[in-house]
Amino acid sequence: MAPRRLCPILPVVLTLLLLVGCQQEEAGLLFYDRFGNPNSGWGTESRESFDRGYQEGEYFIEVYEPDWFAWATPGKKFRDAVITADARPVSGASGGHFGLICRYCSPANFYYFGIAADGYYAIIRVRDSHPKILSGNGFLPSPAIPVGAAVYHIRAVCQGDRLLLFVNDREIAAVTDETFRQGDAGLGVGSGQEGSIRVHFDNFKVLAPEEEEE
């Protein structure tokens, strides 16, 4: 609303440009959270196998038990969506992974776009609690995923039956699947056989897909 309050003191042309620019930017933004408000809907939970919650303007998920997966969602519903977030691995044993969730219908039904700090990735469908990797045979390596980076910018596109994974604005994988058509969006972290991984997330956004991604 700030540009509207400034309208009386700005030149007419500049005001129109500002308003049009803001309207275009907000038109595609469906949801945004920088995790500065601990009551924004993601929840806080502590169990023997994992912890999750807010910490200093980020949202963290830490998994302790080997071969375990923990996630969080804000309780929304989207159809076609582009989901982005910055993921910061804090600690973890080899084999762990982290990423974004799309079309979350229930704890037993959703898509997961996961990457690992050692350069691996997978697009996974969980249906009736049974995971299936859609992007290949297991987690696969990609030279486009930097190894040991401090922060990874992850983007998941769920548009129609198309599912795309991007890391640092580079396309990593694309698959098709029509099992789920709508649902929540969220964050996920999984441990490997050695267990123990902690990842912090920030700048979580859900946007309407752009025409060029069709």
Foldseek 3Di string as FASTA:
>chain_A
DVLVVCVVVDDPVVSVVVVVVVCVVVVFFDDKAQLPDQVQAFDWDDDPQWTWGGDDRWTKIKGFAAFDKDKTFRPDKDFWKKKKWKKFWDDADPPKKKFKWFLDPDPQFTWTWIDDLQAWTFIWTGHRNDIDTFFDDPTDGDPQRHHPDRMWMWMWGDDQQKIWIDIPNHTDTIGGDHPGGMHTMIIMITHHRVGIIMMIIGTITMTHDDPVVD
